Amino acid sequence: MISSEHTSKQFDAELDAVRAQVLQMGGLVESQIRLAIEALISDDVALMERVINDDHRVNALEVQIDESCSQIIALRQPAAGDLRMVLTVVKTITDLERIGDEAAKIARMGKLVSQKKSLILPRYTEIKLIAELALDMLHKSLDAFARLDLILTAQVVRQDELIDEEFRSIMRYLITYMMEDPRTISIALEILFIAKAIERIGDHAKNMSEYVVYMIKGKDVRHVTVEEIEREVLE
């Protein structure tokens, strides 16, 4: 009996450690996005390089957490809620790694924009707005994971529609800019790639919030409407 209780406590500690690692990885990814946007707006090429070079830290954490999850599945054979939690972690770190890739992409595009800044002075008001939306979605998704908060997951899914609208608005603005002055086509396309990277960050954050619904309720809410997800989390 004592041995069984000890094993159970050890298992719980392993699950808690994995959850903490996910939040650590999430914090690193958030920082990468903020630094990439800061570097873009301030035209800080050295900071862009730092973001690109630090992407390996995100990748290393993904590998480390994935290995921990594989060991838990192999040695503990989790079932029901514990298994859903481990599977959620595996899926979540994949999206976090991809968000890290998007942050590095923003930094790489920022370097290209910096080289051409004499041609045009880009307006970053819209980029900053959509980036703040994406960061808020990511932060809420991580909070939902940490606190098992279904209300936050519904908010994230709803915000994804807003970020999509903002991206379309930026795209229309840039297309108009390119039509008015063909010399701006190259730099406008690079800014469009940055906006698309931010929009993709929102998509990954939405995925993460949907995994939380699966972890808590055991229901897969991918590929359903926002209204269906909201009904599910409120039941």
C-alpha atoms as a PDB file:
ATOM      1  CA  MET A   1       0.000   0.000   0.000  1.00  0.00           C
ATOM      2  CA  ILE A   2       2.790   2.377   0.954  1.00  0.00           C
ATOM      3  CA  SER A   3       4.660   1.477  -2.239  1.00  0.00           C
ATOM      4  CA  SER A   4       1.545   2.125  -4.349  1.00  0.00           C
ATOM      5  CA  GLU A   5       1.002   5.507  -2.701  1.00  0.00           C
ATOM      6  CA  HIS A   6       4.650   6.409  -3.257  1.00  0.00           C
ATOM      7  CA  THR A   7       4.391   5.445  -6.941  1.00  0.00           C
ATOM      8  CA  SER A   8       1.249   7.545  -7.306  1.00  0.00           C
ATOM      9  CA  LYS A   9       2.921  10.593  -5.768  1.00  0.00           C
ATOM     10  CA  GLN A  10       5.944  10.095  -7.991  1.00  0.00           C
ATOM     11  CA  PHE A  11       3.696   9.919 -11.050  1.00  0.00           C
ATOM     12  CA  ASP A  12       1.898  13.121 -10.033  1.00  0.00           C
ATOM     13  CA  ALA A  13       5.253  14.833  -9.581  1.00  0.00           C
ATOM     14  CA  GLU A  14       6.316  13.749 -13.079  1.00  0.00           C
ATOM     15  CA  LEU A  15       3.099  15.141 -14.579  1.00  0.00           C
ATOM     16  CA  ASP A  16       3.534  18.410 -12.679  1.00  0.00           C
ATOM     17  CA  ALA A  17       7.124  18.679 -13.923  1.00  0.00           C
ATOM     18  CA  VAL A  18       6.025  18.236 -17.540  1.00  0.00           C
ATOM     19  CA  ARG A  19       3.282  20.861 -17.143  1.00  0.00           C
ATOM     20  CA  ALA A  20       5.844  23.271 -15.681  1.00  0.00           C
ATOM     21  CA  GLN A  21       8.165  22.654 -18.641  1.00  0.00           C
ATOM     22  CA  VAL A  22       5.356  23.480 -21.073  1.00  0.00           C
ATOM     23  CA  LEU A  23       4.781  26.800 -19.313  1.00  0.00           C
ATOM     24  CA  GLN A  24       8.532  27.475 -19.366  1.00  0.00           C
ATOM     25  CA  MET A  25       8.577  26.821 -23.117  1.00  0.00           C
ATOM     26  CA  GLY A  26       5.516  29.037 -23.535  1.00  0.00           C
ATOM     27  CA  GLY A  27       7.214  31.866 -21.659  1.00  0.00           C
ATOM     28  CA  LEU A  28      10.280  31.588 -23.873  1.00  0.00           C
ATOM     29  CA  VAL A  29       8.161  31.658 -27.028  1.00  0.00           C
ATOM     30  CA  GLU A  30       6.235  34.709 -25.789  1.00  0.00           C
ATOM     31  CA  SER A  31       9.543  36.470 -25.189  1.00  0.00           C
ATOM     32  CA  GLN A  32      10.755  35.552 -28.685  1.00  0.00           C
ATOM     33  CA  ILE A  33       7.668  37.116 -30.277  1.00  0.00           C
ATOM     34  CA  ARG A  34       7.931  40.304 -28.217  1.00  0.00           C
ATOM     35  CA  LEU A  35      11.618  40.695 -29.042  1.00  0.00           C
ATOM     36  CA  ALA A  36      11.012  40.055 -32.756  1.00  0.00           C
ATOM     37  CA  ILE A  37       8.321  42.752 -32.907  1.00  0.00           C
ATOM     38  CA  GLU A  38      10.422  45.150 -30.826  1.00  0.00           C
ATOM     39  CA  ALA A  39      13.391  44.579 -33.146  1.00  0.00           C
ATOM     40  CA  LEU A  40      11.228  45.179 -36.218  1.00  0.00           C
ATOM     41  CA  ILE A  41       9.744  48.436 -34.947  1.00  0.00           C
ATOM     42  CA  SER A  42      13.049  49.800 -33.616  1.00  0.00           C
ATOM     43  CA  ASP A  43      15.019  48.522 -36.644  1.00  0.00           C
ATOM     44  CA  ASP A  44      17.407  46.695 -34.304  1.00  0.00           C
ATOM     45  CA  VAL A  45      19.244  44.187 -36.505  1.00  0.00           C
ATOM     46  CA  ALA A  46      21.326  42.848 -33.602  1.00  0.00           C
ATOM     47  CA  LEU A  47      18.142  41.993 -31.717  1.00  0.00           C
ATOM     48  CA  MET A  48      16.733  40.314 -34.833  1.00  0.00           C
ATOM     49  CA  GLU A  49      19.868  38.145 -34.973  1.00  0.00           C
ATOM     50  CA  ARG A  50      19.418  37.253 -31.315  1.00  0.00           C
ATOM     51  CA  VAL A  51      15.846  36.096 -31.915  1.00  0.00           C
ATOM     52  CA  ILE A  52      16.946  33.961 -34.872  1.00  0.00           C
ATOM     53  CA  ASN A  53      19.859  32.437 -32.954  1.00  0.00           C
ATOM     54  CA  ASP A  54      17.765  31.716 -29.843  1.00  0.00           C
ATOM     55  CA  ASP A  55      15.270  29.588 -31.797  1.00  0.00           C
ATOM     56  CA  HIS A  56      17.385  26.529 -30.937  1.00  0.00           C
ATOM     57  CA  ARG A  57      16.410  26.981 -27.266  1.00  0.00           C
ATOM     58  CA  VAL A  58      12.745  26.521 -28.170  1.00  0.00           C
ATOM     59  CA  ASN A  59      13.586  23.457 -30.264  1.00  0.00           C
ATOM     60  CA  ALA A  60      15.645  21.948 -27.436  1.00  0.00           C
ATOM     61  CA  LEU A  61      12.776  22.336 -24.974  1.00  0.00           C
ATOM     62  CA  GLU A  62      10.391  20.631 -27.403  1.00  0.00           C
ATOM     63  CA  VAL A  63      12.709  17.625 -27.665  1.00  0.00           C
ATOM     64  CA  GLN A  64      13.217  17.500 -23.884  1.00  0.00           C
ATOM     65  CA  ILE A  65       9.497  17.630 -23.082  1.00  0.00           C
ATOM     66  CA  ASP A  66       8.650  15.132 -25.822  1.00  0.00           C
ATOM     67  CA  GLU A  67      11.162  12.672 -24.361  1.00  0.00           C
ATOM     68  CA  SER A  68       9.661  13.132 -20.884  1.00  0.00           C
ATOM     69  CA  CYS A  69       6.184  12.399 -22.255  1.00  0.00           C
ATOM     70  CA  SER A  70       7.424   9.288 -24.064  1.00  0.00           C
ATOM     71  CA  GLN A  71       8.954   8.011 -20.821  1.00  0.00           C
ATOM     72  CA  ILE A  72       5.750   8.665 -18.897  1.00  0.00           C
ATOM     73  CA  ILE A  73       3.676   6.765 -21.463  1.00  0.00           C
ATOM     74  CA  ALA A  74       6.136   3.863 -21.572  1.00  0.00           C
ATOM     75  CA  LEU A  75       6.719   3.518 -17.824  1.00  0.00           C
ATOM     76  CA  ARG A  76       3.453   4.737 -16.271  1.00  0.00           C
ATOM     77  CA  GLN A  77       0.914   3.721 -18.925  1.00  0.00           C
ATOM     78  CA  PRO A  78      -1.402   6.619 -18.026  1.00  0.00           C
ATOM     79  CA  ALA A  79      -5.140   6.293 -18.611  1.00  0.00           C
ATOM     80  CA  ALA A  80      -8.185   8.569 -18.894  1.00  0.00           C
ATOM     81  CA  GLY A  81      -7.487  12.142 -17.765  1.00  0.00           C
ATOM     82  CA  ASP A  82      -3.760  11.578 -17.207  1.00  0.00           C
ATOM     83  CA  LEU A  83      -3.349  10.193 -20.729  1.00  0.00           C
ATOM     84  CA  ARG A  84      -5.280  13.139 -22.178  1.00  0.00           C
ATOM     85  CA  MET A  85      -3.003  15.506 -20.294  1.00  0.00           C
ATOM     86  CA  VAL A  86       0.143  13.873 -21.702  1.00  0.00           C
ATOM     87  CA  LEU A  87      -1.279  13.879 -25.233  1.00  0.00           C
ATOM     88  CA  THR A  88      -2.250  17.542 -24.825  1.00  0.00           C
ATOM     89  CA  VAL A  89       1.311  18.359 -23.798  1.00  0.00           C
ATOM     90  CA  VAL A  90       2.732  16.585 -26.868  1.00  0.00           C
ATOM     91  CA  LYS A  91       0.403  18.506 -29.182  1.00  0.00           C
ATOM     92  CA  THR A  92       0.912  21.820 -27.378  1.00  0.00           C
ATOM     93  CA  ILE A  93       4.711  21.769 -27.587  1.00  0.00           C
ATOM     94  CA  THR A  94       4.461  21.114 -31.331  1.00  0.00           C
ATOM     95  CA  ASP A  95       2.429  24.308 -31.733  1.00  0.00           C
ATOM     96  CA  LEU A  96       4.782  26.213 -29.423  1.00  0.00           C
ATOM     97  CA  GLU A  97       7.769  25.113 -31.505  1.00  0.00           C
ATOM     98  CA  ARG A  98       6.021  26.326 -34.646  1.00  0.00           C
ATOM     99  CA  ILE A  99       5.222  29.644 -32.973  1.00  0.00           C
ATOM    100  CA  GLY A 100       8.937  29.938 -32.205  1.00  0.00           C
ATOM    101  CA  ASP A 101       9.629  29.358 -35.907  1.00  0.00           C
ATOM    102  CA  GLU A 102       7.217  32.176 -36.793  1.00  0.00           C
ATOM    103  CA  ALA A 103       9.009  34.529 -34.374  1.00  0.00           C
ATOM    104  CA  ALA A 104      12.312  33.696 -36.086  1.00  0.00           C
ATOM    105  CA  LYS A 105      10.646  34.297 -39.462  1.00  0.00           C
ATOM    106  CA  ILE A 106       9.503  37.757 -38.325  1.00  0.00           C
ATOM    107  CA  ALA A 107      13.105  38.527 -37.350  1.00  0.00           C
ATOM    108  CA  ARG A 108      14.443  37.283 -40.712  1.00  0.00           C
ATOM    109  CA  MET A 109      11.895  39.355 -42.632  1.00  0.00           C
ATOM    110  CA  GLY A 110      12.749  42.298 -40.393  1.00  0.00           C
ATOM    111  CA  LYS A 111      16.367  42.086 -41.525  1.00  0.00           C
ATOM    112  CA  LEU A 112      15.258  42.267 -45.164  1.00  0.00           C
ATOM    113  CA  VAL A 113      12.995  45.232 -44.435  1.00  0.00           C
ATOM    114  CA  SER A 114      15.865  46.981 -42.650  1.00  0.00           C
ATOM    115  CA  GLN A 115      18.038  46.705 -45.759  1.00  0.00           C
ATOM    116  CA  LYS A 116      15.385  48.519 -47.830  1.00  0.00           C
ATOM    117  CA  LYS A 117      14.195  51.147 -45.381  1.00  0.00           C
ATOM    118  CA  SER A 118      15.524  53.946 -47.600  1.00  0.00           C
ATOM    119  CA  LEU A 119      12.814  53.097 -50.157  1.00  0.00           C
ATOM    120  CA  ILE A 120       9.873  53.439 -47.815  1.00  0.00           C
ATOM    121  CA  LEU A 121       9.135  54.193 -44.183  1.00  0.00           C
ATOM    122  CA  PRO A 122       6.844  51.309 -43.181  1.00  0.00           C
ATOM    123  CA  ARG A 123       3.900  51.955 -40.878  1.00  0.00           C
ATOM    124  CA  TYR A 124       3.932  49.412 -38.074  1.00  0.00           C
ATOM    125  CA  THR A 125       0.784  50.512 -36.244  1.00  0.00           C
ATOM    126  CA  GLU A 126      -1.280  47.666 -37.703  1.00  0.00           C
ATOM    127  CA  ILE A 127       1.536  45.127 -37.245  1.00  0.00           C
ATOM    128  CA  LYS A 128       1.873  46.112 -33.591  1.00  0.00           C
ATOM    129  CA  LEU A 129      -1.888  45.746 -33.080  1.00  0.00           C
ATOM    130  CA  ILE A 130      -2.125  42.289 -34.625  1.00  0.00           C
ATOM    131  CA  ALA A 131       0.987  41.193 -32.703  1.00  0.00           C
ATOM    132  CA  GLU A 132      -0.567  42.254 -29.395  1.00  0.00           C
ATOM    133  CA  LEU A 133      -3.700  40.280 -30.294  1.00  0.00           C
ATOM    134  CA  ALA A 134      -1.636  37.180 -31.084  1.00  0.00           C
ATOM    135  CA  LEU A 135       0.373  37.534 -27.867  1.00  0.00           C
ATOM    136  CA  ASP A 136      -2.815  37.897 -25.843  1.00  0.00           C
ATOM    137  CA  MET A 137      -4.208  34.730 -27.442  1.00  0.00           C
ATOM    138  CA  LEU A 138      -1.012  32.823 -26.670  1.00  0.00           C
ATOM    139  CA  HIS A 139      -0.930  34.065 -23.080  1.00  0.00           C
ATOM    140  CA  LYS A 140      -4.572  33.096 -22.528  1.00  0.00           C
ATOM    141  CA  SER A 141      -3.990  29.643 -24.053  1.00  0.00           C
ATOM    142  CA  LEU A 142      -1.101  29.041 -21.668  1.00  0.00           C
ATOM    143  CA  ASP A 143      -3.182  30.337 -18.741  1.00  0.00           C
ATOM    144  CA  ALA A 144      -6.037  28.031 -19.746  1.00  0.00           C
ATOM    145  CA  PHE A 145      -3.601  25.105 -19.776  1.00  0.00           C
ATOM    146  CA  ALA A 146      -2.141  26.046 -16.385  1.00  0.00           C
ATOM    147  CA  ARG A 147      -5.476  26.750 -14.671  1.00  0.00           C
ATOM    148  CA  LEU A 148      -7.715  24.314 -16.615  1.00  0.00           C
ATOM    149  CA  ASP A 149      -9.882  27.302 -17.527  1.00  0.00           C
ATOM    150  CA  LEU A 150     -12.457  26.580 -20.238  1.00  0.00           C
ATOM    151  CA  ILE A 151     -13.744  30.163 -20.320  1.00  0.00           C
ATOM    152  CA  LEU A 152     -10.339  31.373 -21.493  1.00  0.00           C
ATOM    153  CA  THR A 153     -10.284  28.770 -24.271  1.00  0.00           C
ATOM    154  CA  ALA A 154     -13.569  30.127 -25.649  1.00  0.00           C
ATOM    155  CA  GLN A 155     -12.156  33.670 -25.583  1.00  0.00           C
ATOM    156  CA  VAL A 156      -9.101  32.575 -27.568  1.00  0.00           C
ATOM    157  CA  VAL A 157     -11.183  30.882 -30.248  1.00  0.00           C
ATOM    158  CA  ARG A 158     -13.314  34.007 -30.613  1.00  0.00           C
ATOM    159  CA  GLN A 159     -10.200  36.210 -30.822  1.00  0.00           C
ATOM    160  CA  ASP A 160      -8.886  34.134 -33.722  1.00  0.00           C
ATOM    161  CA  GLU A 161     -11.676  35.538 -35.895  1.00  0.00           C
ATOM    162  CA  LEU A 162     -10.613  39.067 -34.960  1.00  0.00           C
ATOM    163  CA  ILE A 163      -6.964  38.439 -35.823  1.00  0.00           C
ATOM    164  CA  ASP A 164      -8.017  37.015 -39.207  1.00  0.00           C
ATOM    165  CA  GLU A 165      -9.957  40.223 -39.911  1.00  0.00           C
ATOM    166  CA  GLU A 166      -6.941  42.347 -38.954  1.00  0.00           C
ATOM    167  CA  PHE A 167      -4.709  40.322 -41.275  1.00  0.00           C
ATOM    168  CA  ARG A 168      -7.105  40.820 -44.196  1.00  0.00           C
ATOM    169  CA  SER A 169      -7.148  44.562 -43.453  1.00  0.00           C
ATOM    170  CA  ILE A 170      -3.332  44.713 -43.509  1.00  0.00           C
ATOM    171  CA  MET A 171      -3.261  42.746 -46.765  1.00  0.00           C
ATOM    172  CA  ARG A 172      -5.699  45.173 -48.436  1.00  0.00           C
ATOM    173  CA  TYR A 173      -3.658  48.145 -47.234  1.00  0.00           C
ATOM    174  CA  LEU A 174      -0.406  46.682 -48.576  1.00  0.00           C
ATOM    175  CA  ILE A 175      -1.944  45.748 -51.924  1.00  0.00           C
ATOM    176  CA  THR A 176      -3.145  49.336 -52.338  1.00  0.00           C
ATOM    177  CA  TYR A 177       0.339  50.567 -51.432  1.00  0.00           C
ATOM    178  CA  MET A 178       1.953  48.332 -54.054  1.00  0.00           C
ATOM    179  CA  MET A 179      -0.506  49.416 -56.740  1.00  0.00           C
ATOM    180  CA  GLU A 180       0.148  53.102 -56.055  1.00  0.00           C
ATOM    181  CA  ASP A 181       3.934  52.738 -56.124  1.00  0.00           C
ATOM    182  CA  PRO A 182       5.462  49.591 -57.693  1.00  0.00           C
ATOM    183  CA  ARG A 183       8.816  50.417 -56.078  1.00  0.00           C
ATOM    184  CA  THR A 184       7.300  49.360 -52.749  1.00  0.00           C
ATOM    185  CA  ILE A 185       6.325  45.855 -53.918  1.00  0.00           C
ATOM    186  CA  SER A 186       9.344  44.045 -52.485  1.00  0.00           C
ATOM    187  CA  ILE A 187       9.237  45.623 -49.032  1.00  0.00           C
ATOM    188  CA  ALA A 188       5.426  45.448 -48.885  1.00  0.00           C
ATOM    189  CA  LEU A 189       5.566  41.712 -49.556  1.00  0.00           C
ATOM    190  CA  GLU A 190       8.060  41.247 -46.734  1.00  0.00           C
ATOM    191  CA  ILE A 191       5.778  43.143 -44.355  1.00  0.00           C
ATOM    192  CA  LEU A 192       2.900  40.974 -45.589  1.00  0.00           C
ATOM    193  CA  PHE A 193       4.954  37.852 -44.722  1.00  0.00           C
ATOM    194  CA  ILE A 194       5.460  39.298 -41.235  1.00  0.00           C
ATOM    195  CA  ALA A 195       1.707  39.875 -40.842  1.00  0.00           C
ATOM    196  CA  LYS A 196       1.040  36.324 -42.059  1.00  0.00           C
ATOM    197  CA  ALA A 197       3.524  34.933 -39.533  1.00  0.00           C
ATOM    198  CA  ILE A 198       1.660  36.764 -36.752  1.00  0.00           C
ATOM    199  CA  GLU A 199      -1.679  35.465 -38.048  1.00  0.00           C
ATOM    200  CA  ARG A 200      -0.228  31.933 -37.951  1.00  0.00           C
ATOM    201  CA  ILE A 201       0.805  32.496 -34.322  1.00  0.00           C
ATOM    202  CA  GLY A 202      -2.868  33.178 -33.604  1.00  0.00           C
ATOM    203  CA  ASP A 203      -3.825  29.929 -35.352  1.00  0.00           C
ATOM    204  CA  HIS A 204      -1.374  27.939 -33.216  1.00  0.00           C
ATOM    205  CA  ALA A 205      -2.634  29.620 -30.037  1.00  0.00           C
ATOM    206  CA  LYS A 206      -6.178  28.646 -31.042  1.00  0.00           C
ATOM    207  CA  ASN A 207      -5.040  25.049 -31.533  1.00  0.00           C
ATOM    208  CA  MET A 208      -3.544  25.066 -28.049  1.00  0.00           C
ATOM    209  CA  SER A 209      -6.791  26.300 -26.506  1.00  0.00           C
ATOM    210  CA  GLU A 210      -8.715  23.535 -28.288  1.00  0.00           C
ATOM    211  CA  TYR A 211      -6.345  20.930 -26.827  1.00  0.00           C
ATOM    212  CA  VAL A 212      -7.221  22.228 -23.357  1.00  0.00           C
ATOM    213  CA  VAL A 213     -10.906  21.513 -24.042  1.00  0.00           C
ATOM    214  CA  TYR A 214      -9.923  17.965 -25.040  1.00  0.00           C
ATOM    215  CA  MET A 215      -7.765  17.565 -21.921  1.00  0.00           C
ATOM    216  CA  ILE A 216     -10.550  18.653 -19.568  1.00  0.00           C
ATOM    217  CA  LYS A 217     -13.670  17.283 -21.264  1.00  0.00           C
ATOM    218  CA  GLY A 218     -12.315  14.518 -23.474  1.00  0.00           C
ATOM    219  CA  LYS A 219     -13.947  16.020 -26.549  1.00  0.00           C
ATOM    220  CA  ASP A 220     -12.162  16.965 -29.772  1.00  0.00           C
ATOM    221  CA  VAL A 221     -13.387  20.428 -30.788  1.00  0.00           C
ATOM    222  CA  ARG A 222     -11.096  20.928 -33.763  1.00  0.00           C
ATOM    223  CA  HIS A 223     -12.829  21.777 -37.034  1.00  0.00           C
ATOM    224  CA  VAL A 224     -16.082  22.871 -35.374  1.00  0.00           C
ATOM    225  CA  THR A 225     -17.634  26.333 -35.279  1.00  0.00           C
ATOM    226  CA  VAL A 226     -16.848  28.956 -32.669  1.00  0.00           C
ATOM    227  CA  GLU A 227     -20.440  28.724 -31.437  1.00  0.00           C
ATOM    228  CA  GLU A 228     -20.152  24.959 -30.932  1.00  0.00           C
ATOM    229  CA  ILE A 229     -16.952  25.393 -28.931  1.00  0.00           C
ATOM    230  CA  GLU A 230     -18.575  28.069 -26.776  1.00  0.00           C
ATOM    231  CA  ARG A 231     -21.541  25.788 -26.101  1.00  0.00           C
ATOM    232  CA  GLU A 232     -19.217  22.925 -25.224  1.00  0.00           C
ATOM    233  CA  VAL A 233     -17.169  24.887 -22.683  1.00  0.00           C
ATOM    234  CA  LEU A 234     -20.283  26.309 -21.016  1.00  0.00           C
ATOM    235  CA  GLU A 235     -22.020  22.955 -20.531  1.00  0.00           C
END
